[in-house]
PDB file of all heavy atoms in Angstrom:
ATOM      1  N   ARG A   1    -136.087 -54.702-211.506  1.00  0.00           N
ATOM      2  CA  ARG A   1    -135.272 -54.348-212.568  1.00  0.00           C
ATOM      3  C   ARG A   1    -135.330 -52.866-212.766  1.00  0.00           C
ATOM      4  O   ARG A   1    -136.470 -52.226-212.794  1.00  0.00           O
ATOM      5  CB  ARG A   1    -135.818 -54.996-213.819  1.00  0.00           C
ATOM      6  CG  ARG A   1    -135.039 -54.800-215.031  1.00  0.00           C
ATOM      7  CD  ARG A   1    -133.965 -55.938-215.171  1.00  0.00           C
ATOM      8  NE  ARG A   1    -133.158 -55.774-216.279  1.00  0.00           N
ATOM      9  CZ  ARG A   1    -131.820 -55.900-216.309  1.00  0.00           C
ATOM     10  NH1 ARG A   1    -131.163 -56.105-215.257  1.00  0.00           N
ATOM     11  NH2 ARG A   1    -131.192 -55.793-217.433  1.00  0.00           N
ATOM     12  N   VAL A   2    -134.249 -52.285-212.718  1.00  0.00           N
ATOM     13  CA  VAL A   2    -134.083 -50.701-212.897  1.00  0.00           C
ATOM     14  C   VAL A   2    -133.680 -50.487-214.278  1.00  0.00           C
ATOM     15  O   VAL A   2    -132.668 -51.051-214.777  1.00  0.00           O
ATOM     16  CB  VAL A   2    -133.062 -50.193-211.898  1.00  0.00           C
ATOM     17  CG1 VAL A   2    -132.874 -48.745-212.239  1.00  0.00           C
ATOM     18  CG2 VAL A   2    -133.467 -50.382-210.526  1.00  0.00           C
ATOM     19  N   VAL A   3    -134.557 -49.771-215.057  1.00  0.00           N
ATOM     20  CA  VAL A   3    -134.231 -49.461-216.527  1.00  0.00           C
ATOM     21  C   VAL A   3    -134.279 -47.921-216.877  1.00  0.00           C
ATOM     22  O   VAL A   3    -135.339 -47.432-216.741  1.00  0.00           O
ATOM     23  CB  VAL A   3    -135.277 -50.233-217.403  1.00  0.00           C
ATOM     24  CG1 VAL A   3    -134.973 -49.907-218.899  1.00  0.00           C
ATOM     25  CG2 VAL A   3    -135.287 -51.724-217.093  1.00  0.00           C
ATOM     26  N   TYR A   4    -133.094 -47.469-217.085  1.00  0.00           N
ATOM     27  CA  TYR A   4    -133.012 -46.130-217.519  1.00  0.00           C
ATOM     28  C   TYR A   4    -132.981 -46.154-219.165  1.00  0.00           C
ATOM     29  O   TYR A   4    -132.250 -46.941-219.591  1.00  0.00           O
ATOM     30  CB  TYR A   4    -131.657 -45.430-217.097  1.00  0.00           C
ATOM     31  CG  TYR A   4    -131.638 -45.073-215.625  1.00  0.00           C
ATOM     32  CD1 TYR A   4    -131.250 -46.006-214.756  1.00  0.00           C
ATOM     33  CD2 TYR A   4    -131.958 -43.802-215.205  1.00  0.00           C
ATOM     34  CE1 TYR A   4    -131.177 -45.644-213.351  1.00  0.00           C
ATOM     35  CE2 TYR A   4    -131.842 -43.452-213.879  1.00  0.00           C
ATOM     36  CZ  TYR A   4    -131.431 -44.431-212.863  1.00  0.00           C
ATOM     37  OH  TYR A   4    -131.322 -44.179-211.626  1.00  0.00           O
ATOM     38  N   ARG A   5    -133.711 -45.273-219.590  1.00  0.00           N
ATOM     39  CA  ARG A   5    -133.701 -45.115-221.146  1.00  0.00           C
ATOM     40  C   ARG A   5    -133.318 -43.624-221.492  1.00  0.00           C
ATOM     41  O   ARG A   5    -133.444 -42.737-220.584  1.00  0.00           O
ATOM     42  CB  ARG A   5    -135.061 -45.514-221.743  1.00  0.00           C
ATOM     43  CG  ARG A   5    -135.388 -46.927-221.568  1.00  0.00           C
ATOM     44  CD  ARG A   5    -136.633 -47.343-222.326  1.00  0.00           C
ATOM     45  NE  ARG A   5    -136.870 -48.712-222.431  1.00  0.00           N
ATOM     46  CZ  ARG A   5    -136.285 -49.691-223.026  1.00  0.00           C
ATOM     47  NH1 ARG A   5    -135.393 -49.321-223.924  1.00  0.00           N
ATOM     48  NH2 ARG A   5    -136.488 -50.917-222.865  1.00  0.00           N
ATOM     49  N   LYS A   6    -132.893 -43.384-222.722  1.00  0.00           N
ATOM     50  CA  LYS A   6    -132.683 -42.060-223.180  1.00  0.00           C
ATOM     51  C   LYS A   6    -134.069 -41.561-223.775  1.00  0.00           C
ATOM     52  O   LYS A   6    -134.987 -42.330-223.908  1.00  0.00           O
ATOM     53  CB  LYS A   6    -131.609 -42.033-224.152  1.00  0.00           C
ATOM     54  CG  LYS A   6    -130.176 -42.153-223.563  1.00  0.00           C
ATOM     55  CD  LYS A   6    -129.968 -40.964-222.599  1.00  0.00           C
ATOM     56  CE  LYS A   6    -128.496 -40.915-222.123  1.00  0.00           C
ATOM     57  NZ  LYS A   6    -128.215 -39.711-221.269  1.00  0.00           N
ATOM     58  N   TYR A   7    -134.101 -40.233-224.235  1.00  0.00           N
ATOM     59  CA  TYR A   7    -135.351 -39.662-224.665  1.00  0.00           C
ATOM     60  C   TYR A   7    -135.897 -40.384-225.886  1.00  0.00           C
ATOM     61  O   TYR A   7    -137.100 -40.361-226.172  1.00  0.00           O
ATOM     62  CB  TYR A   7    -135.138 -38.219-224.863  1.00  0.00           C
ATOM     63  CG  TYR A   7    -136.365 -37.345-224.838  1.00  0.00           C
ATOM     64  CD1 TYR A   7    -136.910 -37.151-223.574  1.00  0.00           C
ATOM     65  CD2 TYR A   7    -136.994 -37.002-226.003  1.00  0.00           C
ATOM     66  CE1 TYR A   7    -138.117 -36.286-223.522  1.00  0.00           C
ATOM     67  CE2 TYR A   7    -138.174 -36.267-225.935  1.00  0.00           C
ATOM     68  CZ  TYR A   7    -138.751 -35.948-224.748  1.00  0.00           C
ATOM     69  OH  TYR A   7    -139.942 -35.198-224.679  1.00  0.00           O
ATOM     70  N   ASP A   8    -134.955 -41.047-226.727  1.00  0.00           N
ATOM     71  CA  ASP A   8    -135.413 -41.653-227.966  1.00  0.00           C
ATOM     72  C   ASP A   8    -135.872 -43.127-227.629  1.00  0.00           C
ATOM     73  O   ASP A   8    -135.937 -43.890-228.569  1.00  0.00           O
ATOM     74  CB  ASP A   8    -134.309 -41.628-228.925  1.00  0.00           C
ATOM     75  CG  ASP A   8    -133.031 -42.332-228.621  1.00  0.00           C
ATOM     76  OD1 ASP A   8    -132.922 -42.780-227.398  1.00  0.00           O
ATOM     77  OD2 ASP A   8    -132.194 -42.496-229.419  1.00  0.00           O
ATOM     78  N   GLU A   9    -135.913 -43.403-226.359  1.00  0.00           N
ATOM     79  CA  GLU A   9    -136.320 -44.884-225.862  1.00  0.00           C
ATOM     80  C   GLU A   9    -135.127 -45.772-225.819  1.00  0.00           C
ATOM     81  O   GLU A   9    -135.386 -47.030-225.526  1.00  0.00           O
ATOM     82  CB  GLU A   9    -137.505 -45.359-226.578  1.00  0.00           C
ATOM     83  CG  GLU A   9    -138.820 -44.588-226.220  1.00  0.00           C
ATOM     84  CD  GLU A   9    -139.291 -44.688-224.797  1.00  0.00           C
ATOM     85  OE1 GLU A   9    -139.125 -45.730-224.170  1.00  0.00           O
ATOM     86  OE2 GLU A   9    -139.856 -43.714-224.286  1.00  0.00           O
ATOM     87  N   LYS A  10    -134.023 -45.398-226.395  1.00  0.00           N
ATOM     88  CA  LYS A  10    -132.883 -46.263-226.374  1.00  0.00           C
ATOM     89  C   LYS A  10    -132.431 -46.728-225.035  1.00  0.00           C
ATOM     90  O   LYS A  10    -132.412 -45.870-224.053  1.00  0.00           O
ATOM     91  CB  LYS A  10    -131.673 -45.572-227.097  1.00  0.00           C
ATOM     92  CG  LYS A  10    -130.394 -46.567-227.251  1.00  0.00           C
ATOM     93  CD  LYS A  10    -129.323 -45.771-227.993  1.00  0.00           C
ATOM     94  CE  LYS A  10    -128.115 -46.624-228.038  1.00  0.00           C
ATOM     95  NZ  LYS A  10    -127.039 -45.972-228.707  1.00  0.00           N
ATOM     96  N   LEU A  11    -132.135 -48.013-224.807  1.00  0.00           N
ATOM     97  CA  LEU A  11    -131.771 -48.636-223.552  1.00  0.00           C
ATOM     98  C   LEU A  11    -130.459 -47.940-223.000  1.00  0.00           C
ATOM     99  O   LEU A  11    -129.504 -47.786-223.736  1.00  0.00           O
ATOM    100  CB  LEU A  11    -131.613 -50.045-223.621  1.00  0.00           C
ATOM    101  CG  LEU A  11    -131.333 -50.825-222.312  1.00  0.00           C
ATOM    102  CD1 LEU A  11    -132.405 -50.652-221.302  1.00  0.00           C
ATOM    103  CD2 LEU A  11    -131.098 -52.356-222.614  1.00  0.00           C
ATOM    104  N   HIS A  12    -130.515 -47.475-221.800  1.00  0.00           N
ATOM    105  CA  HIS A  12    -129.271 -46.919-221.171  1.00  0.00           C
ATOM    106  C   HIS A  12    -128.784 -47.806-220.090  1.00  0.00           C
ATOM    107  O   HIS A  12    -128.755 -48.985-220.247  1.00  0.00           O
ATOM    108  CB  HIS A  12    -129.692 -45.460-220.706  1.00  0.00           C
ATOM    109  CG  HIS A  12    -128.480 -44.549-220.322  1.00  0.00           C
ATOM    110  ND1 HIS A  12    -127.355 -44.552-221.151  1.00  0.00           N
ATOM    111  CD2 HIS A  12    -128.219 -43.731-219.352  1.00  0.00           C
ATOM    112  CE1 HIS A  12    -126.482 -43.696-220.555  1.00  0.00           C
ATOM    113  NE2 HIS A  12    -126.990 -43.155-219.421  1.00  0.00           N
ATOM    114  N   TRP A  13    -128.696 -47.316-218.857  1.00  0.00           N
ATOM    115  CA  TRP A  13    -128.298 -48.105-217.719  1.00  0.00           C
ATOM    116  C   TRP A  13    -129.453 -49.129-217.242  1.00  0.00           C
ATOM    117  O   TRP A  13    -130.615 -48.648-217.200  1.00  0.00           O
ATOM    118  CB  TRP A  13    -127.806 -47.394-216.554  1.00  0.00           C
ATOM    119  CG  TRP A  13    -126.353 -46.745-216.824  1.00  0.00           C
ATOM    120  CD1 TRP A  13    -126.115 -45.503-217.211  1.00  0.00           C
ATOM    121  CD2 TRP A  13    -125.136 -47.427-216.799  1.00  0.00           C
ATOM    122  NE1 TRP A  13    -124.804 -45.351-217.397  1.00  0.00           N
ATOM    123  CE2 TRP A  13    -124.146 -46.495-217.212  1.00  0.00           C
ATOM    124  CE3 TRP A  13    -124.713 -48.775-216.438  1.00  0.00           C
ATOM    125  CZ2 TRP A  13    -122.857 -46.878-217.197  1.00  0.00           C
ATOM    126  CZ3 TRP A  13    -123.446 -49.065-216.461  1.00  0.00           C
ATOM    127  CH2 TRP A  13    -122.490 -48.183-216.905  1.00  0.00           C
ATOM    128  N   HIS A  14    -129.044 -50.298-216.903  1.00  0.00           N
ATOM    129  CA  HIS A  14    -130.042 -51.174-216.363  1.00  0.00           C
ATOM    130  C   HIS A  14    -129.401 -52.272-215.387  1.00  0.00           C
ATOM    131  O   HIS A  14    -128.196 -52.547-215.638  1.00  0.00           O
ATOM    132  CB  HIS A  14    -130.903 -51.885-217.491  1.00  0.00           C
ATOM    133  CG  HIS A  14    -130.083 -52.490-218.583  1.00  0.00           C
ATOM    134  ND1 HIS A  14    -129.834 -53.896-218.586  1.00  0.00           N
ATOM    135  CD2 HIS A  14    -129.366 -52.027-219.523  1.00  0.00           C
ATOM    136  CE1 HIS A  14    -129.041 -54.249-219.641  1.00  0.00           C
ATOM    137  NE2 HIS A  14    -128.791 -53.042-220.202  1.00  0.00           N
ATOM    138  N   GLN A  15    -130.153 -52.698-214.422  1.00  0.00           N
ATOM    139  CA  GLN A  15    -129.650 -53.708-213.502  1.00  0.00           C
ATOM    140  C   GLN A  15    -130.760 -54.191-212.558  1.00  0.00           C
ATOM    141  O   GLN A  15    -131.797 -53.528-212.495  1.00  0.00           O
ATOM    142  CB  GLN A  15    -128.498 -53.115-212.622  1.00  0.00           C
ATOM    143  CG  GLN A  15    -128.872 -52.224-211.491  1.00  0.00           C
ATOM    144  CD  GLN A  15    -127.757 -51.645-210.781  1.00  0.00           C
ATOM    145  OE1 GLN A  15    -127.432 -50.459-211.031  1.00  0.00           O
ATOM    146  NE2 GLN A  15    -127.170 -52.421-209.936  1.00  0.00           N
ATOM    147  N   TRP A  16    -130.524 -55.312-211.934  1.00  0.00           N
ATOM    148  CA  TRP A  16    -131.435 -55.791-211.019  1.00  0.00           C
ATOM    149  C   TRP A  16    -130.966 -55.397-209.545  1.00  0.00           C
ATOM    150  O   TRP A  16    -129.749 -55.263-209.257  1.00  0.00           O
ATOM    151  CB  TRP A  16    -131.448 -57.367-210.834  1.00  0.00           C
ATOM    152  CG  TRP A  16    -132.109 -57.966-212.100  1.00  0.00           C
ATOM    153  CD1 TRP A  16    -131.642 -58.366-213.250  1.00  0.00           C
ATOM    154  CD2 TRP A  16    -133.525 -58.174-212.181  1.00  0.00           C
ATOM    155  NE1 TRP A  16    -132.593 -58.817-214.003  1.00  0.00           N
ATOM    156  CE2 TRP A  16    -133.834 -58.669-213.425  1.00  0.00           C
ATOM    157  CE3 TRP A  16    -134.600 -57.956-211.249  1.00  0.00           C
ATOM    158  CZ2 TRP A  16    -135.130 -59.076-213.882  1.00  0.00           C
ATOM    159  CZ3 TRP A  16    -135.941 -58.162-211.671  1.00  0.00           C
ATOM    160  CH2 TRP A  16    -136.167 -58.774-212.936  1.00  0.00           C
ATOM    161  N   MET A  17    -131.967 -54.969-208.741  1.00  0.00           N
ATOM    162  CA  MET A  17    -131.662 -54.454-207.347  1.00  0.00           C
ATOM    163  C   MET A  17    -132.656 -55.062-206.427  1.00  0.00           C
ATOM    164  O   MET A  17    -133.794 -55.349-206.807  1.00  0.00           O
ATOM    165  CB  MET A  17    -131.677 -52.908-207.299  1.00  0.00           C
ATOM    166  CG  MET A  17    -130.660 -52.348-208.158  1.00  0.00           C
ATOM    167  SD  MET A  17    -130.516 -50.500-207.990  1.00  0.00           S
ATOM    168  CE  MET A  17    -129.382 -50.417-206.684  1.00  0.00           C
ATOM    169  N   ARG A  18    -132.311 -55.134-205.132  1.00  0.00           N
ATOM    170  CA  ARG A  18    -133.188 -55.527-204.056  1.00  0.00           C
ATOM    171  C   ARG A  18    -134.065 -54.484-203.509  1.00  0.00           C
ATOM    172  O   ARG A  18    -133.657 -53.271-203.284  1.00  0.00           O
ATOM    173  CB  ARG A  18    -132.438 -56.148-202.889  1.00  0.00           C
ATOM    174  CG  ARG A  18    -131.637 -57.314-203.157  1.00  0.00           C
ATOM    175  CD  ARG A  18    -131.017 -57.802-201.896  1.00  0.00           C
ATOM    176  NE  ARG A  18    -129.860 -58.672-202.120  1.00  0.00           N
ATOM    177  CZ  ARG A  18    -128.787 -58.798-201.303  1.00  0.00           C
ATOM    178  NH1 ARG A  18    -128.812 -58.262-200.134  1.00  0.00           N
ATOM    179  NH2 ARG A  18    -127.823 -59.588-201.714  1.00  0.00           N
ATOM    180  N   TYR A  19    -135.409 -54.810-203.343  1.00  0.00           N
ATOM    181  CA  TYR A  19    -136.276 -53.801-202.752  1.00  0.00           C
ATOM    182  C   TYR A  19    -135.889 -53.729-201.240  1.00  0.00           C
ATOM    183  O   TYR A  19    -135.930 -54.688-200.528  1.00  0.00           O
ATOM    184  CB  TYR A  19    -137.729 -54.285-202.943  1.00  0.00           C
ATOM    185  CG  TYR A  19    -138.695 -53.333-202.257  1.00  0.00           C
ATOM    186  CD1 TYR A  19    -139.178 -52.307-202.897  1.00  0.00           C
ATOM    187  CD2 TYR A  19    -139.187 -53.642-201.005  1.00  0.00           C
ATOM    188  CE1 TYR A  19    -140.249 -51.416-202.361  1.00  0.00           C
ATOM    189  CE2 TYR A  19    -140.057 -52.776-200.403  1.00  0.00           C
ATOM    190  CZ  TYR A  19    -140.569 -51.701-201.031  1.00  0.00           C
ATOM    191  OH  TYR A  19    -141.481 -50.795-200.450  1.00  0.00           O
ATOM    192  N   LEU A  20    -135.662 -52.502-200.722  1.00  0.00           N
ATOM    193  CA  LEU A  20    -135.248 -52.309-199.403  1.00  0.00           C
ATOM    194  C   LEU A  20    -136.408 -51.637-198.520  1.00  0.00           C
ATOM    195  O   LEU A  20    -136.401 -51.694-197.333  1.00  0.00           O
ATOM    196  CB  LEU A  20    -134.075 -51.429-199.212  1.00  0.00           C
ATOM    197  CG  LEU A  20    -132.762 -52.000-199.952  1.00  0.00           C
ATOM    198  CD1 LEU A  20    -131.610 -50.948-199.947  1.00  0.00           C
ATOM    199  CD2 LEU A  20    -132.354 -53.341-199.307  1.00  0.00           C
ATOM    200  N   GLY A  21    -137.262 -50.889-199.175  1.00  0.00           N
ATOM    201  CA  GLY A  21    -138.344 -50.240-198.448  1.00  0.00           C
ATOM    202  C   GLY A  21    -138.711 -48.912-199.054  1.00  0.00           C
ATOM    203  O   GLY A  21    -138.164 -48.495-200.050  1.00  0.00           O
ATOM    204  N   GLU A  22    -139.705 -48.261-198.359  1.00  0.00           N
ATOM    205  CA  GLU A  22    -140.116 -46.958-198.809  1.00  0.00           C
ATOM    206  C   GLU A  22    -140.362 -46.107-197.613  1.00  0.00           C
ATOM    207  O   GLU A  22    -140.742 -46.513-196.549  1.00  0.00           O
ATOM    208  CB  GLU A  22    -141.509 -47.089-199.674  1.00  0.00           C
ATOM    209  CG  GLU A  22    -141.866 -45.693-200.226  1.00  0.00           C
ATOM    210  CD  GLU A  22    -143.114 -45.873-201.159  1.00  0.00           C
ATOM    211  OE1 GLU A  22    -143.553 -46.970-201.453  1.00  0.00           O
ATOM    212  OE2 GLU A  22    -143.521 -44.787-201.701  1.00  0.00           O
ATOM    213  N   ASP A  23    -140.032 -44.806-197.812  1.00  0.00           N
ATOM    214  CA  ASP A  23    -140.226 -43.855-196.745  1.00  0.00           C
ATOM    215  C   ASP A  23    -140.694 -42.470-197.327  1.00  0.00           C
ATOM    216  O   ASP A  23    -141.122 -42.474-198.589  1.00  0.00           O
ATOM    217  CB  ASP A  23    -138.920 -43.647-195.856  1.00  0.00           C
ATOM    218  CG  ASP A  23    -137.713 -43.070-196.709  1.00  0.00           C
ATOM    219  OD1 ASP A  23    -137.943 -42.567-197.844  1.00  0.00           O
ATOM    220  OD2 ASP A  23    -136.594 -43.304-196.168  1.00  0.00           O
ATOM    221  N   GLU A  24    -140.739 -41.411-196.624  1.00  0.00           N
ATOM    222  CA  GLU A  24    -141.099 -40.193-197.207  1.00  0.00           C
ATOM    223  C   GLU A  24    -140.396 -39.674-198.389  1.00  0.00           C
ATOM    224  O   GLU A  24    -140.878 -38.721-199.094  1.00  0.00           O
ATOM    225  CB  GLU A  24    -141.183 -39.054-196.112  1.00  0.00           C
ATOM    226  CG  GLU A  24    -139.861 -38.738-195.496  1.00  0.00           C
ATOM    227  CD  GLU A  24    -139.464 -39.480-194.273  1.00  0.00           C
ATOM    228  OE1 GLU A  24    -139.864 -40.615-194.110  1.00  0.00           O
ATOM    229  OE2 GLU A  24    -138.727 -38.817-193.407  1.00  0.00           O
ATOM    230  N   TYR A  25    -139.105 -40.174-198.568  1.00  0.00           N
ATOM    231  CA  TYR A  25    -138.328 -39.696-199.617  1.00  0.00           C
ATOM    232  C   TYR A  25    -138.517 -40.443-201.012  1.00  0.00           C
ATOM    233  O   TYR A  25    -138.188 -40.034-202.049  1.00  0.00           O
ATOM    234  CB  TYR A  25    -136.880 -39.750-199.293  1.00  0.00           C
ATOM    235  CG  TYR A  25    -136.517 -38.980-198.060  1.00  0.00           C
ATOM    236  CD1 TYR A  25    -136.351 -39.555-196.833  1.00  0.00           C
ATOM    237  CD2 TYR A  25    -136.511 -37.627-198.116  1.00  0.00           C
ATOM    238  CE1 TYR A  25    -136.036 -38.839-195.675  1.00  0.00           C
ATOM    239  CE2 TYR A  25    -136.310 -36.802-196.986  1.00  0.00           C
ATOM    240  CZ  TYR A  25    -136.081 -37.403-195.715  1.00  0.00           C
ATOM    241  OH  TYR A  25    -135.888 -36.734-194.579  1.00  0.00           O
ATOM    242  N   GLY A  26    -139.045 -41.708-200.839  1.00  0.00           N
ATOM    243  CA  GLY A  26    -139.334 -42.561-202.003  1.00  0.00           C
ATOM    244  C   GLY A  26    -139.021 -43.942-201.833  1.00  0.00           C
ATOM    245  O   GLY A  26    -138.926 -44.451-200.566  1.00  0.00           O
ATOM    246  N   VAL A  27    -138.852 -44.701-202.798  1.00  0.00           N
ATOM    247  CA  VAL A  27    -138.590 -46.181-202.804  1.00  0.00           C
ATOM    248  C   VAL A  27    -136.985 -46.376-202.903  1.00  0.00           C
ATOM    249  O   VAL A  27    -136.422 -45.744-203.688  1.00  0.00           O
ATOM    250  CB  VAL A  27    -139.290 -46.933-203.911  1.00  0.00           C
ATOM    251  CG1 VAL A  27    -138.957 -48.408-203.877  1.00  0.00           C
ATOM    252  CG2 VAL A  27    -140.739 -46.685-203.901  1.00  0.00           C
ATOM    253  N   TRP A  28    -136.573 -47.252-201.964  1.00  0.00           N
ATOM    254  CA  TRP A  28    -135.122 -47.491-201.877  1.00  0.00           C
ATOM    255  C   TRP A  28    -134.887 -48.964-202.386  1.00  0.00           C
ATOM    256  O   TRP A  28    -135.502 -49.917-202.003  1.00  0.00           O
ATOM    257  CB  TRP A  28    -134.637 -47.492-200.462  1.00  0.00           C
ATOM    258  CG  TRP A  28    -134.755 -45.996-199.832  1.00  0.00           C
ATOM    259  CD1 TRP A  28    -135.813 -45.442-199.339  1.00  0.00           C
ATOM    260  CD2 TRP A  28    -133.659 -45.122-199.923  1.00  0.00           C
ATOM    261  NE1 TRP A  28    -135.498 -44.068-198.931  1.00  0.00           N
ATOM    262  CE2 TRP A  28    -134.182 -43.874-199.304  1.00  0.00           C
ATOM    263  CE3 TRP A  28    -132.335 -45.072-200.311  1.00  0.00           C
ATOM    264  CZ2 TRP A  28    -133.362 -42.780-199.027  1.00  0.00           C
ATOM    265  CZ3 TRP A  28    -131.615 -43.892-200.137  1.00  0.00           C
ATOM    266  CH2 TRP A  28    -132.140 -42.777-199.497  1.00  0.00           C
ATOM    267  N   LEU A  29    -133.952 -49.112-203.268  1.00  0.00           N
ATOM    268  CA  LEU A  29    -133.410 -50.326-203.811  1.00  0.00           C
ATOM    269  C   LEU A  29    -131.918 -50.452-203.465  1.00  0.00           C
ATOM    270  O   LEU A  29    -131.273 -49.395-203.407  1.00  0.00           O
ATOM    271  CB  LEU A  29    -133.652 -50.570-205.261  1.00  0.00           C
ATOM    272  CG  LEU A  29    -135.025 -50.307-205.799  1.00  0.00           C
ATOM    273  CD1 LEU A  29    -135.037 -50.471-207.232  1.00  0.00           C
ATOM    274  CD2 LEU A  29    -135.942 -51.348-205.175  1.00  0.00           C
ATOM    275  N   GLY A  30    -131.451 -51.673-203.422  1.00  0.00           N
ATOM    276  CA  GLY A  30    -129.999 -51.778-203.051  1.00  0.00           C
ATOM    277  C   GLY A  30    -129.363 -52.943-203.874  1.00  0.00           C
ATOM    278  O   GLY A  30    -130.011 -53.862-204.252  1.00  0.00           O
ATOM    279  N   ALA A  31    -127.983 -52.767-204.027  1.00  0.00           N
ATOM    280  CA  ALA A  31    -127.241 -53.887-204.639  1.00  0.00           C
ATOM    281  C   ALA A  31    -125.934 -54.140-203.811  1.00  0.00           C
ATOM    282  O   ALA A  31    -125.264 -53.132-203.542  1.00  0.00           O
ATOM    283  CB  ALA A  31    -127.010 -53.516-206.046  1.00  0.00           C
ATOM    284  N   PRO A  32    -125.697 -55.368-203.392  1.00  0.00           N
ATOM    285  CA  PRO A  32    -124.473 -55.615-202.604  1.00  0.00           C
ATOM    286  C   PRO A  32    -123.271 -55.458-203.451  1.00  0.00           C
ATOM    287  O   PRO A  32    -123.333 -55.363-204.668  1.00  0.00           O
ATOM    288  CB  PRO A  32    -124.752 -57.006-202.145  1.00  0.00           C
ATOM    289  CG  PRO A  32    -125.580 -57.646-203.167  1.00  0.00           C
ATOM    290  CD  PRO A  32    -126.433 -56.564-203.712  1.00  0.00           C
ATOM    291  N   PRO A  33    -122.038 -55.484-202.810  1.00  0.00           N
ATOM    292  CA  PRO A  33    -120.785 -55.506-203.575  1.00  0.00           C
ATOM    293  C   PRO A  33    -120.782 -56.582-204.575  1.00  0.00           C
ATOM    294  O   PRO A  33    -121.387 -57.648-204.380  1.00  0.00           O
ATOM    295  CB  PRO A  33    -119.735 -55.667-202.501  1.00  0.00           C
ATOM    296  CG  PRO A  33    -120.351 -55.224-201.256  1.00  0.00           C
ATOM    297  CD  PRO A  33    -121.844 -55.516-201.417  1.00  0.00           C
ATOM    298  N   ASN A  34    -120.144 -56.350-205.709  1.00  0.00           N
ATOM    299  CA  ASN A  34    -119.991 -57.344-206.858  1.00  0.00           C
ATOM    300  C   ASN A  34    -121.312 -57.659-207.552  1.00  0.00           C
ATOM    301  O   ASN A  34    -121.370 -58.680-208.222  1.00  0.00           O
ATOM    302  CB  ASN A  34    -119.372 -58.623-206.292  1.00  0.00           C
ATOM    303  CG  ASN A  34    -117.998 -58.406-205.719  1.00  0.00           C
ATOM    304  OD1 ASN A  34    -117.122 -57.651-206.334  1.00  0.00           O
ATOM    305  ND2 ASN A  34    -117.775 -58.872-204.427  1.00  0.00           N
ATOM    306  N   SER A  35    -122.242 -56.692-207.469  1.00  0.00           N
ATOM    307  CA  SER A  35    -123.386 -56.720-208.316  1.00  0.00           C
ATOM    308  C   SER A  35    -123.029 -56.213-209.758  1.00  0.00           C
ATOM    309  O   SER A  35    -122.003 -55.523-209.887  1.00  0.00           O
ATOM    310  CB  SER A  35    -124.509 -55.926-207.828  1.00  0.00           C
ATOM    311  OG  SER A  35    -124.922 -56.418-206.525  1.00  0.00           O
ATOM    312  N   VAL A  36    -123.896 -56.433-210.670  1.00  0.00           N
ATOM    313  CA  VAL A  36    -123.580 -56.119-212.077  1.00  0.00           C
ATOM    314  C   VAL A  36    -124.563 -55.044-212.601  1.00  0.00           C
ATOM    315  O   VAL A  36    -125.784 -55.067-212.134  1.00  0.00           O
ATOM    316  CB  VAL A  36    -123.526 -57.276-213.119  1.00  0.00           C
ATOM    317  CG1 VAL A  36    -122.343 -58.239-212.723  1.00  0.00           C
ATOM    318  CG2 VAL A  36    -124.819 -58.015-213.086  1.00  0.00           C
ATOM    319  N   ALA A  37    -124.082 -54.179-213.409  1.00  0.00           N
ATOM    320  CA  ALA A  37    -124.872 -53.173-214.106  1.00  0.00           C
ATOM    321  C   ALA A  37    -124.499 -53.239-215.545  1.00  0.00           C
ATOM    322  O   ALA A  37    -123.329 -53.607-215.841  1.00  0.00           O
ATOM    323  CB  ALA A  37    -124.710 -51.777-213.454  1.00  0.00           C
ATOM    324  N   GLN A  38    -125.344 -52.639-216.331  1.00  0.00           N
ATOM    325  CA  GLN A  38    -124.990 -52.730-217.776  1.00  0.00           C
ATOM    326  C   GLN A  38    -125.587 -51.433-218.461  1.00  0.00           C
ATOM    327  O   GLN A  38    -126.665 -51.038-218.190  1.00  0.00           O
ATOM    328  CB  GLN A  38    -125.534 -53.916-218.463  1.00  0.00           C
ATOM    329  CG  GLN A  38    -125.201 -54.200-219.791  1.00  0.00           C
ATOM    330  CD  GLN A  38    -125.736 -55.404-220.414  1.00  0.00           C
ATOM    331  OE1 GLN A  38    -126.582 -56.182-219.820  1.00  0.00           O
ATOM    332  NE2 GLN A  38    -125.191 -55.892-221.525  1.00  0.00           N
ATOM    333  N   ARG A  39    -124.731 -50.803-219.353  1.00  0.00           N
ATOM    334  CA  ARG A  39    -125.212 -49.648-220.137  1.00  0.00           C
ATOM    335  C   ARG A  39    -125.555 -50.215-221.519  1.00  0.00           C
ATOM    336  O   ARG A  39    -124.619 -50.772-222.199  1.00  0.00           O
ATOM    337  CB  ARG A  39    -124.086 -48.636-220.266  1.00  0.00           C
ATOM    338  CG  ARG A  39    -124.604 -47.409-220.988  1.00  0.00           C
ATOM    339  CD  ARG A  39    -123.804 -46.205-220.975  1.00  0.00           C
ATOM    340  NE  ARG A  39    -122.386 -46.466-221.093  1.00  0.00           N
ATOM    341  CZ  ARG A  39    -121.442 -45.479-220.815  1.00  0.00           C
ATOM    342  NH1 ARG A  39    -121.838 -44.277-220.333  1.00  0.00           N
ATOM    343  NH2 ARG A  39    -120.237 -45.672-220.953  1.00  0.00           N
ATOM    344  N   GLY A  40    -126.883 -50.080-221.882  1.00  0.00           N
ATOM    345  CA  GLY A  40    -127.282 -50.616-223.172  1.00  0.00           C
ATOM    346  C   GLY A  40    -126.946 -52.064-223.310  1.00  0.00           C
ATOM    347  O   GLY A  40    -127.251 -52.945-222.449  1.00  0.00           O
ATOM    348  N   ASP A  41    -126.260 -52.320-224.481  1.00  0.00           N
ATOM    349  CA  ASP A  41    -125.910 -53.681-224.667  1.00  0.00           C
ATOM    350  C   ASP A  41    -124.371 -53.881-224.580  1.00  0.00           C
ATOM    351  O   ASP A  41    -123.795 -54.887-225.086  1.00  0.00           O
ATOM    352  CB  ASP A  41    -126.432 -54.220-226.077  1.00  0.00           C
ATOM    353  CG  ASP A  41    -125.815 -53.375-227.252  1.00  0.00           C
ATOM    354  OD1 ASP A  41    -125.024 -52.422-226.987  1.00  0.00           O
ATOM    355  OD2 ASP A  41    -126.141 -53.685-228.406  1.00  0.00           O
TER     356      ASP A  41
END
């Protein structure tokens, strides 16, 4: 679950993504076409 919040802790963008791996740049997650995302409520 990816959860972005604003500085006041208010929910911003959030969605479920698949774990793809980690390399020297960081952790990679992915979502196939037709996945859903949501801003707040």
